[in-house]
Amino acid sequence: LGSVILPTATVTKLHNGEALSDAEKRQVDELPAVTEQLVANIPRLDDV
C-alpha cells in the first residue's frame, strides 16, 4: 500500500528489478512506515 507515495518511474524500476538511485532507495525504505500508518485506520488488525 505504501507504494502510492512513490513516483511512477520508481515503481516501474522496482517491477523490472532495476537498480535504484540513493534517493529512490530512501523513498522505498519509508514504505513500511507509510503502510503501517494506513493499516492503523482499520480495526482488529493489530497482529497484521
All heavy atoms as atom14 arrays in JSON, in Angstrom:
{
  "sequence": "LGSVILPTATVTKLHNGEALSDAEKRQVDELPAVTEQLVANIPRLDDV",
  "atom14_mask": [
    [1, 1, 1, 1, 1, 1, 1, 1, 0, 0, 0, 0, 0, 0],
    [1, 1, 1, 1, 0, 0, 0, 0, 0, 0, 0, 0, 0, 0],
    [1, 1, 1, 1, 1, 1, 0, 0, 0, 0, 0, 0, 0, 0],
    [1, 1, 1, 1, 1, 1, 1, 0, 0, 0, 0, 0, 0, 0],
    [1, 1, 1, 1, 1, 1, 1, 1, 0, 0, 0, 0, 0, 0],
    [1, 1, 1, 1, 1, 1, 1, 1, 0, 0, 0, 0, 0, 0],
    [1, 1, 1, 1, 1, 1, 1, 0, 0, 0, 0, 0, 0, 0],
    [1, 1, 1, 1, 1, 1, 1, 0, 0, 0, 0, 0, 0, 0],
    [1, 1, 1, 1, 1, 0, 0, 0, 0, 0, 0, 0, 0, 0],
    [1, 1, 1, 1, 1, 1, 1, 0, 0, 0, 0, 0, 0, 0],
    [1, 1, 1, 1, 1, 1, 1, 0, 0, 0, 0, 0, 0, 0],
    [1, 1, 1, 1, 1, 1, 1, 0, 0, 0, 0, 0, 0, 0],
    [1, 1, 1, 1, 1, 1, 1, 1, 1, 0, 0, 0, 0, 0],
    [1, 1, 1, 1, 1, 1, 1, 1, 0, 0, 0, 0, 0, 0],
    [1, 1, 1, 1, 1, 1, 1, 1, 1, 1, 0, 0, 0, 0],
    [1, 1, 1, 1, 1, 1, 1, 1, 0, 0, 0, 0, 0, 0],
    [1, 1, 1, 1, 0, 0, 0, 0, 0, 0, 0, 0, 0, 0],
    [1, 1, 1, 1, 1, 1, 1, 1, 1, 0, 0, 0, 0, 0],
    [1, 1, 1, 1, 1, 0, 0, 0, 0, 0, 0, 0, 0, 0],
    [1, 1, 1, 1, 1, 1, 1, 1, 0, 0, 0, 0, 0, 0],
    [1, 1, 1, 1, 1, 1, 0, 0, 0, 0, 0, 0, 0, 0],
    [1, 1, 1, 1, 1, 1, 1, 1, 0, 0, 0, 0, 0, 0],
    [1, 1, 1, 1, 1, 0, 0, 0, 0, 0, 0, 0, 0, 0],
    [1, 1, 1, 1, 1, 1, 1, 1, 1, 0, 0, 0, 0, 0],
    [1, 1, 1, 1, 1, 1, 1, 1, 1, 0, 0, 0, 0, 0],
    [1, 1, 1, 1, 1, 1, 1, 1, 1, 1, 1, 0, 0, 0],
    [1, 1, 1, 1, 1, 1, 1, 1, 1, 0, 0, 0, 0, 0],
    [1, 1, 1, 1, 1, 1, 1, 0, 0, 0, 0, 0, 0, 0],
    [1, 1, 1, 1, 1, 1, 1, 1, 0, 0, 0, 0, 0, 0],
    [1, 1, 1, 1, 1, 1, 1, 1, 1, 0, 0, 0, 0, 0],
    [1, 1, 1, 1, 1, 1, 1, 1, 0, 0, 0, 0, 0, 0],
    [1, 1, 1, 1, 1, 1, 1, 0, 0, 0, 0, 0, 0, 0],
    [1, 1, 1, 1, 1, 0, 0, 0, 0, 0, 0, 0, 0, 0],
    [1, 1, 1, 1, 1, 1, 1, 0, 0, 0, 0, 0, 0, 0],
    [1, 1, 1, 1, 1, 1, 1, 0, 0, 0, 0, 0, 0, 0],
    [1, 1, 1, 1, 1, 1, 1, 1, 1, 0, 0, 0, 0, 0],
    [1, 1, 1, 1, 1, 1, 1, 1, 1, 0, 0, 0, 0, 0],
    [1, 1, 1, 1, 1, 1, 1, 1, 0, 0, 0, 0, 0, 0],
    [1, 1, 1, 1, 1, 1, 1, 0, 0, 0, 0, 0, 0, 0],
    [1, 1, 1, 1, 1, 0, 0, 0, 0, 0, 0, 0, 0, 0],
    [1, 1, 1, 1, 1, 1, 1, 1, 0, 0, 0, 0, 0, 0],
    [1, 1, 1, 1, 1, 1, 1, 1, 0, 0, 0, 0, 0, 0],
    [1, 1, 1, 1, 1, 1, 1, 0, 0, 0, 0, 0, 0, 0],
    [1, 1, 1, 1, 1, 1, 1, 1, 1, 1, 1, 0, 0, 0],
    [1, 1, 1, 1, 1, 1, 1, 1, 0, 0, 0, 0, 0, 0],
    [1, 1, 1, 1, 1, 1, 1, 1, 0, 0, 0, 0, 0, 0],
    [1, 1, 1, 1, 1, 1, 1, 1, 0, 0, 0, 0, 0, 0],
    [1, 1, 1, 1, 1, 1, 1, 0, 0, 0, 0, 0, 0, 0]
  ],
  "atom14_positions": [
    [[0.82, -1.22, 0.0], [0.0, 0.0, 0.0], [0.85, 1.26, 0.0], [0.48, 2.28, -0.59], [-0.93, 0.01, 1.21], [-2.14, -0.92, 1.17], [-2.93, -0.8, 2.47], [-3.03, -0.6, -0.01], [0.0, 0.0, 0.0], [0.0, 0.0, 0.0], [0.0, 0.0, 0.0], [0.0, 0.0, 0.0], [0.0, 0.0, 0.0], [0.0, 0.0, 0.0]],
    [[2.0, 1.22, 0.67], [2.85, 2.39, 0.74], [3.39, 2.83, -0.61], [3.89, 3.95, -0.75], [0.0, 0.0, 0.0], [0.0, 0.0, 0.0], [0.0, 0.0, 0.0], [0.0, 0.0, 0.0], [0.0, 0.0, 0.0], [0.0, 0.0, 0.0], [0.0, 0.0, 0.0], [0.0, 0.0, 0.0], [0.0, 0.0, 0.0], [0.0, 0.0, 0.0]],
    [[3.28, 1.96, -1.62], [3.78, 2.3, -2.95], [3.07, 3.5, -3.55], [3.56, 4.08, -4.53], [3.63, 1.09, -3.89], [4.44, 0.01, -3.45], [0.0, 0.0, 0.0], [0.0, 0.0, 0.0], [0.0, 0.0, 0.0], [0.0, 0.0, 0.0], [0.0, 0.0, 0.0], [0.0, 0.0, 0.0], [0.0, 0.0, 0.0], [0.0, 0.0, 0.0]],
    [[1.94, 3.89, -2.98], [1.22, 5.04, -3.52], [2.03, 6.34, -3.4], [1.75, 7.31, -4.11], [-0.15, 5.23, -2.81], [-1.04, 4.03, -3.07], [0.03, 5.45, -1.31], [0.0, 0.0, 0.0], [0.0, 0.0, 0.0], [0.0, 0.0, 0.0], [0.0, 0.0, 0.0], [0.0, 0.0, 0.0], [0.0, 0.0, 0.0], [0.0, 0.0, 0.0]],
    [[3.06, 6.36, -2.54], [3.85, 7.58, -2.38], [5.01, 7.63, -3.37], [5.7, 8.65, -3.45], [4.41, 7.7, -0.94], [5.52, 6.66, -0.7], [3.31, 7.61, 0.09], [6.28, 6.87, 0.59], [0.0, 0.0, 0.0], [0.0, 0.0, 0.0], [0.0, 0.0, 0.0], [0.0, 0.0, 0.0], [0.0, 0.0, 0.0], [0.0, 0.0, 0.0]],
    [[5.25, 6.56, -4.1], [6.4, 6.5, -5.0], [6.08, 7.08, -6.37], [4.97, 6.9, -6.88], [6.86, 5.05, -5.17], [7.39, 4.34, -3.92], [7.75, 2.9, -4.28], [8.6, 5.07, -3.35], [0.0, 0.0, 0.0], [0.0, 0.0, 0.0], [0.0, 0.0, 0.0], [0.0, 0.0, 0.0], [0.0, 0.0, 0.0], [0.0, 0.0, 0.0]],
    [[7.05, 7.75, -7.0], [6.88, 8.18, -8.38], [6.71, 6.97, -9.29], [7.23, 5.87, -9.0], [8.19, 8.92, -8.69], [8.76, 9.29, -7.36], [8.33, 8.19, -6.43], [0.0, 0.0, 0.0], [0.0, 0.0, 0.0], [0.0, 0.0, 0.0], [0.0, 0.0, 0.0], [0.0, 0.0, 0.0], [0.0, 0.0, 0.0], [0.0, 0.0, 0.0]],
    [[6.01, 7.15, -10.38], [5.76, 6.06, -11.32], [7.05, 5.42, -11.81], [7.15, 4.19, -11.93], [4.93, 6.56, -12.51], [3.71, 7.13, -12.04], [4.62, 5.42, -13.47], [0.0, 0.0, 0.0], [0.0, 0.0, 0.0], [0.0, 0.0, 0.0], [0.0, 0.0, 0.0], [0.0, 0.0, 0.0], [0.0, 0.0, 0.0], [0.0, 0.0, 0.0]],
    [[8.06, 6.25, -12.08], [9.32, 5.73, -12.59], [9.99, 4.78, -11.59], [10.57, 3.75, -11.97], [10.27, 6.88, -12.93], [0.0, 0.0, 0.0], [0.0, 0.0, 0.0], [0.0, 0.0, 0.0], [0.0, 0.0, 0.0], [0.0, 0.0, 0.0], [0.0, 0.0, 0.0], [0.0, 0.0, 0.0], [0.0, 0.0, 0.0], [0.0, 0.0, 0.0]],
    [[9.88, 5.1, -10.3], [10.46, 4.25, -9.27], [9.71, 2.93, -9.16], [10.32, 1.86, -9.02], [10.45, 4.97, -7.91], [11.11, 6.23, -8.02], [11.14, 4.13, -6.84], [0.0, 0.0, 0.0], [0.0, 0.0, 0.0], [0.0, 0.0, 0.0], [0.0, 0.0, 0.0], [0.0, 0.0, 0.0], [0.0, 0.0, 0.0], [0.0, 0.0, 0.0]],
    [[8.39, 3.0, -9.24], [7.58, 1.78, -9.2], [7.93, 0.88, -10.37], [8.05, -0.34, -10.22], [6.07, 2.14, -9.23], [5.23, 0.88, -9.4], [5.68, 2.87, -7.95], [0.0, 0.0, 0.0], [0.0, 0.0, 0.0], [0.0, 0.0, 0.0], [0.0, 0.0, 0.0], [0.0, 0.0, 0.0], [0.0, 0.0, 0.0], [0.0, 0.0, 0.0]],
    [[8.13, 1.47, -11.54], [8.48, 0.69, -12.73], [9.84, 0.01, -12.54], [10.02, -1.15, -12.91], [8.51, 1.59, -13.97], [7.22, 2.19, -14.15], [8.86, 0.79, -15.22], [0.0, 0.0, 0.0], [0.0, 0.0, 0.0], [0.0, 0.0, 0.0], [0.0, 0.0, 0.0], [0.0, 0.0, 0.0], [0.0, 0.0, 0.0], [0.0, 0.0, 0.0]],
    [[10.79, 0.73, -11.95], [12.1, 0.13, -11.7], [11.98, -1.06, -10.76], [12.62, -2.1, -10.96], [13.04, 1.18, -11.08], [13.64, 2.16, -12.07], [14.67, 3.04, -11.37], [15.37, 3.97, -12.33], [16.39, 4.8, -11.65], [0.0, 0.0, 0.0], [0.0, 0.0, 0.0], [0.0, 0.0, 0.0], [0.0, 0.0, 0.0], [0.0, 0.0, 0.0]],
    [[11.19, -0.9, -9.71], [11.0, -2.0, -8.77], [10.39, -3.2, -9.46], [10.8, -4.35, -9.26], [10.1, -1.56, -7.61], [10.72, -0.66, -6.54], [9.65, -0.15, -5.6], [11.79, -1.42, -5.77], [0.0, 0.0, 0.0], [0.0, 0.0, 0.0], [0.0, 0.0, 0.0], [0.0, 0.0, 0.0], [0.0, 0.0, 0.0], [0.0, 0.0, 0.0]],
    [[9.39, -2.94, -10.31], [8.72, -4.02, -11.02], [9.68, -4.76, -11.95], [9.62, -5.98, -12.09], [7.55, -3.48, -11.83], [6.86, -4.51, -12.66], [6.07, -5.51, -12.11], [6.85, -4.72, -14.01], [5.61, -6.28, -13.08], [6.07, -5.83, -14.23], [0.0, 0.0, 0.0], [0.0, 0.0, 0.0], [0.0, 0.0, 0.0], [0.0, 0.0, 0.0]],
    [[10.58, -4.02, -12.58], [11.51, -4.61, -13.53], [12.8, -5.12, -12.9], [13.67, -5.64, -13.6], [11.86, -3.59, -14.62], [10.67, -3.23, -15.47], [9.75, -4.03, -15.65], [10.66, -2.02, -16.0], [0.0, 0.0, 0.0], [0.0, 0.0, 0.0], [0.0, 0.0, 0.0], [0.0, 0.0, 0.0], [0.0, 0.0, 0.0], [0.0, 0.0, 0.0]],
    [[12.92, -4.95, -11.57], [14.12, -5.41, -10.89], [15.35, -4.59, -11.21], [16.48, -5.08, -11.13], [0.0, 0.0, 0.0], [0.0, 0.0, 0.0], [0.0, 0.0, 0.0], [0.0, 0.0, 0.0], [0.0, 0.0, 0.0], [0.0, 0.0, 0.0], [0.0, 0.0, 0.0], [0.0, 0.0, 0.0], [0.0, 0.0, 0.0], [0.0, 0.0, 0.0]],
    [[15.16, -3.3, -11.56], [16.28, -2.43, -11.92], [16.89, -1.78, -10.68], [16.26, -1.66, -9.64], [15.8, -1.34, -12.89], [15.22, -1.88, -14.19], [14.62, -0.78, -15.05], [14.85, 0.41, -14.74], [13.91, -1.1, -16.02], [0.0, 0.0, 0.0], [0.0, 0.0, 0.0], [0.0, 0.0, 0.0], [0.0, 0.0, 0.0], [0.0, 0.0, 0.0]],
    [[18.15, -1.34, -10.82], [18.85, -0.69, -9.72], [18.21, 0.66, -9.41], [17.77, 1.38, -10.32], [20.32, -0.5, -10.07], [0.0, 0.0, 0.0], [0.0, 0.0, 0.0], [0.0, 0.0, 0.0], [0.0, 0.0, 0.0], [0.0, 0.0, 0.0], [0.0, 0.0, 0.0], [0.0, 0.0, 0.0], [0.0, 0.0, 0.0], [0.0, 0.0, 0.0]],
    [[18.16, 1.0, -8.12], [17.58, 2.27, -7.68], [18.67, 3.26, -7.3], [19.75, 2.87, -6.85], [16.66, 2.04, -6.48], [15.49, 1.08, -6.65], [14.75, 0.93, -5.34], [14.55, 1.52, -7.75], [0.0, 0.0, 0.0], [0.0, 0.0, 0.0], [0.0, 0.0, 0.0], [0.0, 0.0, 0.0], [0.0, 0.0, 0.0], [0.0, 0.0, 0.0]],
    [[18.37, 4.53, -7.46], [19.28, 5.57, -7.0], [19.22, 5.65, -5.48], [18.31, 5.08, -4.84], [18.91, 6.91, -7.62], [17.65, 7.35, -7.11], [0.0, 0.0, 0.0], [0.0, 0.0, 0.0], [0.0, 0.0, 0.0], [0.0, 0.0, 0.0], [0.0, 0.0, 0.0], [0.0, 0.0, 0.0], [0.0, 0.0, 0.0], [0.0, 0.0, 0.0]],
    [[20.14, 6.38, -4.87], [20.14, 6.52, -3.41], [18.84, 7.19, -2.94], [18.28, 6.8, -1.91], [21.35, 7.35, -2.96], [22.66, 6.59, -3.13], [22.61, 5.35, -3.25], [23.72, 7.25, -3.16], [0.0, 0.0, 0.0], [0.0, 0.0, 0.0], [0.0, 0.0, 0.0], [0.0, 0.0, 0.0], [0.0, 0.0, 0.0], [0.0, 0.0, 0.0]],
    [[18.39, 8.19, -3.69], [17.15, 8.87, -3.32], [15.96, 7.92, -3.39], [15.09, 7.93, -2.52], [16.93, 10.08, -4.23], [0.0, 0.0, 0.0], [0.0, 0.0, 0.0], [0.0, 0.0, 0.0], [0.0, 0.0, 0.0], [0.0, 0.0, 0.0], [0.0, 0.0, 0.0], [0.0, 0.0, 0.0], [0.0, 0.0, 0.0], [0.0, 0.0, 0.0]],
    [[15.94, 7.11, -4.44], [14.84, 6.15, -4.59], [14.88, 5.1, -3.48], [13.83, 4.67, -2.97], [14.92, 5.49, -5.96], [14.55, 6.44, -7.1], [14.84, 5.84, -8.46], [15.79, 5.04, -8.58], [14.12, 6.19, -9.42], [0.0, 0.0, 0.0], [0.0, 0.0, 0.0], [0.0, 0.0, 0.0], [0.0, 0.0, 0.0], [0.0, 0.0, 0.0]],
    [[16.07, 4.68, -3.09], [16.2, 3.71, -2.01], [15.64, 4.27, -0.71], [14.99, 3.57, 0.06], [17.67, 3.31, -1.82], [18.22, 2.43, -2.94], [19.69, 2.12, -2.7], [20.25, 1.27, -3.83], [21.7, 1.01, -3.65], [0.0, 0.0, 0.0], [0.0, 0.0, 0.0], [0.0, 0.0, 0.0], [0.0, 0.0, 0.0], [0.0, 0.0, 0.0]],
    [[15.92, 5.57, -0.46], [15.39, 6.2, 0.76], [13.87, 6.24, 0.72], [13.21, 6.02, 1.74], [15.96, 7.61, 0.9], [17.43, 7.66, 1.31], [17.82, 9.06, 1.76], [17.75, 10.03, 0.67], [18.77, 10.28, -0.16], [19.91, 9.64, -0.02], [18.63, 11.19, -1.11], [0.0, 0.0, 0.0], [0.0, 0.0, 0.0], [0.0, 0.0, 0.0]],
    [[13.31, 6.5, -0.45], [11.86, 6.52, -0.58], [11.26, 5.14, -0.32], [10.25, 5.01, 0.37], [11.48, 7.01, -1.97], [11.81, 8.46, -2.24], [11.64, 8.85, -3.69], [11.33, 8.01, -4.53], [11.86, 10.11, -4.01], [0.0, 0.0, 0.0], [0.0, 0.0, 0.0], [0.0, 0.0, 0.0], [0.0, 0.0, 0.0], [0.0, 0.0, 0.0]],
    [[11.9, 4.12, -0.86], [11.42, 2.75, -0.67], [11.53, 2.35, 0.8], [10.66, 1.64, 1.33], [12.21, 1.78, -1.57], [11.88, 0.32, -1.22], [11.91, 2.05, -3.04], [0.0, 0.0, 0.0], [0.0, 0.0, 0.0], [0.0, 0.0, 0.0], [0.0, 0.0, 0.0], [0.0, 0.0, 0.0], [0.0, 0.0, 0.0], [0.0, 0.0, 0.0]],
    [[12.6, 2.82, 1.47], [12.77, 2.49, 2.89], [11.65, 3.08, 3.76], [11.42, 2.61, 4.88], [14.12, 3.02, 3.39], [15.3, 2.21, 2.85], [15.06, 1.07, 2.38], [16.43, 2.72, 2.89], [0.0, 0.0, 0.0], [0.0, 0.0, 0.0], [0.0, 0.0, 0.0], [0.0, 0.0, 0.0], [0.0, 0.0, 0.0], [0.0, 0.0, 0.0]],
    [[10.97, 4.1, 3.26], [9.88, 4.73, 4.01], [8.56, 3.97, 3.88], [7.61, 4.23, 4.62], [9.67, 6.17, 3.52], [10.84, 7.1, 3.78], [10.63, 8.46, 3.14], [9.57, 8.65, 2.52], [11.51, 9.33, 3.27], [0.0, 0.0, 0.0], [0.0, 0.0, 0.0], [0.0, 0.0, 0.0], [0.0, 0.0, 0.0], [0.0, 0.0, 0.0]],
    [[8.5, 3.04, 2.95], [7.23, 2.37, 2.66], [6.62, 1.64, 3.86], [5.41, 1.75, 4.09], [7.39, 1.41, 1.49], [7.78, 2.03, 0.14], [7.76, 0.98, -0.96], [6.82, 3.17, -0.22], [0.0, 0.0, 0.0], [0.0, 0.0, 0.0], [0.0, 0.0, 0.0], [0.0, 0.0, 0.0], [0.0, 0.0, 0.0], [0.0, 0.0, 0.0]],
    [[7.4, 0.85, 4.63], [6.78, 0.15, 5.76], [6.07, 1.07, 6.74], [4.98, 0.76, 7.22], [7.97, -0.57, 6.42], [8.95, -0.77, 5.3], [8.82, 0.47, 4.45], [0.0, 0.0, 0.0], [0.0, 0.0, 0.0], [0.0, 0.0, 0.0], [0.0, 0.0, 0.0], [0.0, 0.0, 0.0], [0.0, 0.0, 0.0], [0.0, 0.0, 0.0]],
    [[6.68, 2.23, 7.04], [6.06, 3.16, 7.98], [4.77, 3.74, 7.4], [3.77, 3.87, 8.12], [7.04, 4.29, 8.31], [0.0, 0.0, 0.0], [0.0, 0.0, 0.0], [0.0, 0.0, 0.0], [0.0, 0.0, 0.0], [0.0, 0.0, 0.0], [0.0, 0.0, 0.0], [0.0, 0.0, 0.0], [0.0, 0.0, 0.0], [0.0, 0.0, 0.0]],
    [[4.78, 4.07, 6.12], [3.58, 4.61, 5.48], [2.47, 3.56, 5.49], [1.31, 3.86, 5.81], [3.89, 5.04, 4.03], [2.6, 5.45, 3.31], [4.88, 6.18, 4.02], [0.0, 0.0, 0.0], [0.0, 0.0, 0.0], [0.0, 0.0, 0.0], [0.0, 0.0, 0.0], [0.0, 0.0, 0.0], [0.0, 0.0, 0.0], [0.0, 0.0, 0.0]],
    [[2.83, 2.33, 5.15], [1.85, 1.24, 5.12], [1.25, 1.01, 6.5], [0.04, 0.86, 6.65], [2.49, -0.05, 4.61], [3.04, 0.17, 3.31], [1.48, -1.17, 4.57], [0.0, 0.0, 0.0], [0.0, 0.0, 0.0], [0.0, 0.0, 0.0], [0.0, 0.0, 0.0], [0.0, 0.0, 0.0], [0.0, 0.0, 0.0], [0.0, 0.0, 0.0]],
    [[2.1, 1.0, 7.52], [1.62, 0.76, 8.88], [0.64, 1.84, 9.31], [-0.35, 1.58, 9.97], [2.82, 0.7, 9.83], [2.49, 0.16, 11.23], [2.01, 1.26, 12.17], [2.39, 2.43, 11.97], [1.24, 0.95, 13.09], [0.0, 0.0, 0.0], [0.0, 0.0, 0.0], [0.0, 0.0, 0.0], [0.0, 0.0, 0.0], [0.0, 0.0, 0.0]],
    [[0.91, 3.09, 8.9], [0.0, 4.18, 9.24], [-1.35, 4.02, 8.55], [-2.4, 4.32, 9.14], [0.64, 5.52, 8.84], [1.84, 5.89, 9.69], [2.62, 7.07, 9.11], [2.19, 7.68, 8.14], [3.76, 7.39, 9.71], [0.0, 0.0, 0.0], [0.0, 0.0, 0.0], [0.0, 0.0, 0.0], [0.0, 0.0, 0.0], [0.0, 0.0, 0.0]],
    [[-1.34, 3.54, 7.32], [-2.59, 3.32, 6.6], [-3.41, 2.21, 7.25], [-4.62, 2.34, 7.44], [-2.3, 2.97, 5.14], [-1.72, 4.09, 4.26], [-1.28, 3.53, 2.92], [-2.76, 5.18, 4.06], [0.0, 0.0, 0.0], [0.0, 0.0, 0.0], [0.0, 0.0, 0.0], [0.0, 0.0, 0.0], [0.0, 0.0, 0.0], [0.0, 0.0, 0.0]],
    [[-2.73, 1.12, 7.61], [-3.43, -0.03, 8.2], [-3.94, 0.31, 9.6], [-4.93, -0.27, 10.06], [-2.49, -1.25, 8.24], [-3.14, -2.43, 8.96], [-2.12, -1.67, 6.82], [0.0, 0.0, 0.0], [0.0, 0.0, 0.0], [0.0, 0.0, 0.0], [0.0, 0.0, 0.0], [0.0, 0.0, 0.0], [0.0, 0.0, 0.0], [0.0, 0.0, 0.0]],
    [[-3.3, 1.26, 10.27], [-3.72, 1.65, 11.62], [-5.16, 2.14, 11.65], [-5.8, 2.14, 12.71], [-2.79, 2.72, 12.17], [0.0, 0.0, 0.0], [0.0, 0.0, 0.0], [0.0, 0.0, 0.0], [0.0, 0.0, 0.0], [0.0, 0.0, 0.0], [0.0, 0.0, 0.0], [0.0, 0.0, 0.0], [0.0, 0.0, 0.0], [0.0, 0.0, 0.0]],
    [[-5.69, 2.54, 10.49], [-7.07, 3.03, 10.44], [-8.11, 1.92, 10.42], [-9.31, 2.18, 10.5], [-7.25, 3.9, 9.18], [-6.42, 5.16, 9.22], [-6.39, 5.85, 10.23], [-5.72, 5.45, 8.13], [0.0, 0.0, 0.0], [0.0, 0.0, 0.0], [0.0, 0.0, 0.0], [0.0, 0.0, 0.0], [0.0, 0.0, 0.0], [0.0, 0.0, 0.0]],
    [[-7.66, 0.68, 10.29], [-8.58, -0.45, 10.21], [-8.58, -1.2, 11.55], [-7.52, -1.64, 12.01], [-8.17, -1.42, 9.08], [-8.05, -0.66, 7.76], [-9.19, -2.55, 8.95], [-7.55, -1.52, 6.61], [0.0, 0.0, 0.0], [0.0, 0.0, 0.0], [0.0, 0.0, 0.0], [0.0, 0.0, 0.0], [0.0, 0.0, 0.0], [0.0, 0.0, 0.0]],
    [[-9.72, -1.36, 12.19], [-9.76, -2.06, 13.49], [-9.49, -3.55, 13.36], [-9.64, -4.13, 12.29], [-11.2, -1.8, 13.97], [-11.99, -1.59, 12.73], [-11.06, -0.89, 11.76], [0.0, 0.0, 0.0], [0.0, 0.0, 0.0], [0.0, 0.0, 0.0], [0.0, 0.0, 0.0], [0.0, 0.0, 0.0], [0.0, 0.0, 0.0], [0.0, 0.0, 0.0]],
    [[-9.04, -4.15, 14.47], [-8.83, -5.59, 14.59], [-7.69, -6.11, 13.7], [-7.68, -7.28, 13.35], [-10.12, -6.36, 14.27], [-11.27, -6.05, 15.22], [-12.5, -6.86, 14.87], [-13.6, -6.54, 15.76], [-13.85, -7.15, 16.91], [-13.04, -8.11, 17.33], [-14.88, -6.8, 17.65], [0.0, 0.0, 0.0], [0.0, 0.0, 0.0], [0.0, 0.0, 0.0]],
    [[-6.76, -5.25, 13.36], [-5.62, -5.69, 12.56], [-4.3, -5.5, 13.32], [-3.26, -5.26, 12.72], [-5.56, -4.93, 11.23], [-6.56, -5.34, 10.16], [-6.29, -4.57, 8.87], [-6.51, -6.83, 9.88], [0.0, 0.0, 0.0], [0.0, 0.0, 0.0], [0.0, 0.0, 0.0], [0.0, 0.0, 0.0], [0.0, 0.0, 0.0], [0.0, 0.0, 0.0]],
    [[-4.35, -5.64, 14.64], [-3.15, -5.43, 15.45], [-2.04, -6.39, 15.08], [-0.86, -6.0, 15.01], [-3.5, -5.58, 16.93], [-4.4, -4.45, 17.44], [-4.47, -3.42, 16.75], [-5.03, -4.62, 18.5], [0.0, 0.0, 0.0], [0.0, 0.0, 0.0], [0.0, 0.0, 0.0], [0.0, 0.0, 0.0], [0.0, 0.0, 0.0], [0.0, 0.0, 0.0]],
    [[-2.38, -7.66, 14.84], [-1.35, -8.65, 14.5], [-0.74, -8.35, 13.13], [0.47, -8.51, 12.94], [-1.94, -10.06, 14.52], [-2.27, -10.54, 15.92], [-1.69, -9.99, 16.88], [-3.1, -11.46, 16.06], [0.0, 0.0, 0.0], [0.0, 0.0, 0.0], [0.0, 0.0, 0.0], [0.0, 0.0, 0.0], [0.0, 0.0, 0.0], [0.0, 0.0, 0.0]],
    [[-1.58, -7.94, 12.2], [-1.07, -7.58, 10.87], [-0.16, -6.36, 10.97], [0.91, -6.31, 10.35], [-2.24, -7.3, 9.9], [-1.71, -6.74, 8.59], [-3.04, -8.58, 9.65], [0.0, 0.0, 0.0], [0.0, 0.0, 0.0], [0.0, 0.0, 0.0], [0.0, 0.0, 0.0], [0.0, 0.0, 0.0], [0.0, 0.0, 0.0], [0.0, 0.0, 0.0]]
  ]
}
